Amino acid sequence: MLLVVLQLVVAWTTSRWPATRLALTAAPTLLLHHGEVLEDALRRHRVSPGELRQAVRSSGNGDLSQVGAVVLESDGTLSVVTASSLGDASALVDARGTRG
């Protein structure tokens, strides 16, 4: 019951004052960029290299060099973007660790 009440309080607060969203929710974080695993980001967010590889395999890819980006989303899911679909990487603008 307490968790339900806390969830409602957080949802109400972030919908009324958008600035509180930054303090209460995680920002998306880049874990892999152009086939290169970002080890510091993995450690910081406690994601194992195996979990990263599993997400890549689940997306139908077998070669990390063919992956443009893997993002740890705010909800804890891993989004995989292939190198051929990355384009100008504008979808990664709000992800921490984005680099050119």
Protein backbone atom coordinates (compact mmCIF):
# COMPACT_ATOMS: atom_id res chain seq x y z
CA MET A 1 0.00 0.00 0.00
CA LEU A 2 2.83 2.36 0.87
CA LEU A 3 4.45 1.82 -2.53
CA VAL A 4 1.20 2.64 -4.31
CA VAL A 5 0.85 5.88 -2.36
CA LEU A 6 4.48 6.82 -3.04
CA GLN A 7 4.04 6.11 -6.75
CA LEU A 8 0.97 8.35 -6.85
CA VAL A 9 2.82 11.14 -5.03
CA VAL A 10 5.76 10.92 -7.44
CA ALA A 11 3.48 10.84 -10.50
CA TRP A 12 1.45 13.79 -9.25
CA THR A 13 4.56 15.81 -8.36
CA THR A 14 6.33 15.23 -11.67
CA SER A 15 3.20 16.06 -13.64
CA ARG A 16 2.66 19.34 -11.74
CA TRP A 17 6.31 20.45 -11.61
CA PRO A 18 8.29 19.06 -14.56
CA ALA A 19 11.59 20.23 -13.03
CA THR A 20 11.17 17.61 -10.30
CA ARG A 21 11.29 14.90 -12.95
CA LEU A 22 15.06 15.37 -13.25
CA ALA A 23 15.54 14.65 -9.56
CA LEU A 24 13.10 11.74 -9.37
CA THR A 25 13.70 9.79 -12.58
CA ALA A 26 16.79 8.49 -14.30
CA ALA A 27 17.94 9.92 -17.59
CA PRO A 28 18.58 7.56 -20.51
CA THR A 29 22.25 6.51 -20.61
CA LEU A 30 24.38 5.42 -23.53
CA LEU A 31 26.04 2.04 -22.85
CA LEU A 32 27.45 1.28 -26.30
CA HIS A 33 28.29 3.70 -29.10
CA HIS A 34 29.43 2.72 -32.60
CA GLY A 35 30.23 -0.81 -31.43
CA GLU A 36 32.33 0.37 -28.48
CA VAL A 37 31.18 -0.72 -25.01
CA LEU A 38 31.26 2.18 -22.54
CA GLU A 39 32.64 0.30 -19.53
CA ASP A 40 32.30 3.24 -17.10
CA ALA A 41 28.59 3.56 -17.89
CA LEU A 42 28.08 -0.19 -17.43
CA ARG A 43 29.73 -0.08 -14.00
CA ARG A 44 27.92 3.09 -12.92
CA HIS A 45 24.52 1.59 -13.75
CA ARG A 46 25.36 -1.97 -12.67
CA VAL A 47 24.72 -3.50 -16.08
CA SER A 48 26.86 -6.52 -16.88
CA PRO A 49 28.50 -6.97 -20.28
CA GLY A 50 26.44 -10.17 -20.58
CA GLU A 51 23.18 -8.24 -20.19
CA LEU A 52 24.33 -5.82 -22.88
CA ARG A 53 25.19 -8.68 -25.26
CA GLN A 54 21.85 -10.34 -24.51
CA ALA A 55 20.00 -7.17 -25.52
CA VAL A 56 21.99 -7.02 -28.75
CA ARG A 57 21.23 -10.68 -29.52
CA SER A 58 17.55 -10.18 -28.67
CA SER A 59 17.41 -7.41 -31.25
CA GLY A 60 18.57 -9.87 -33.91
CA ASN A 61 22.20 -8.73 -34.11
CA GLY A 62 25.23 -10.93 -33.66
CA ASP A 63 28.02 -8.41 -34.14
CA LEU A 64 28.60 -5.50 -31.74
CA SER A 65 30.36 -3.57 -34.50
CA GLN A 66 27.05 -3.49 -36.38
CA VAL A 67 25.30 -1.79 -33.43
CA GLY A 68 25.21 2.00 -33.43
CA ALA A 69 23.99 2.42 -29.87
CA VAL A 70 22.56 0.67 -26.84
CA VAL A 71 20.70 2.93 -24.42
CA LEU A 72 19.65 2.13 -20.87
CA GLU A 73 16.23 3.78 -20.80
CA SER A 74 14.58 5.49 -17.83
CA ASP A 75 12.36 2.45 -17.27
CA GLY A 76 15.33 0.06 -17.12
CA THR A 77 14.96 -1.45 -20.59
CA LEU A 78 17.80 -1.59 -23.09
CA SER A 79 17.15 -0.07 -26.52
CA VAL A 80 19.34 -1.28 -29.37
CA VAL A 81 19.83 0.85 -32.48
CA THR A 82 21.71 -0.72 -35.40
CA ALA A 83 24.49 1.23 -37.08
CA SER A 84 22.48 1.30 -40.31
CA SER A 85 19.49 2.81 -38.46
CA LEU A 86 21.46 5.34 -36.39
CA GLY A 87 21.33 8.11 -38.97
CA ASP A 88 22.32 11.46 -37.43
CA ALA A 89 21.79 10.02 -33.90
CA SER A 90 19.24 12.73 -33.09
CA ALA A 91 17.24 10.20 -31.04
CA LEU A 92 20.20 9.97 -28.65
CA VAL A 93 20.28 13.69 -27.80
CA ASP A 94 18.85 13.21 -24.29
CA ALA A 95 21.00 10.16 -23.45
CA ARG A 96 23.85 10.71 -20.97
CA GLY A 97 27.24 9.91 -22.42
CA THR A 98 26.35 10.89 -25.97
CA ARG A 99 29.40 11.89 -27.89
CA GLY A 100 30.08 12.68 -31.50
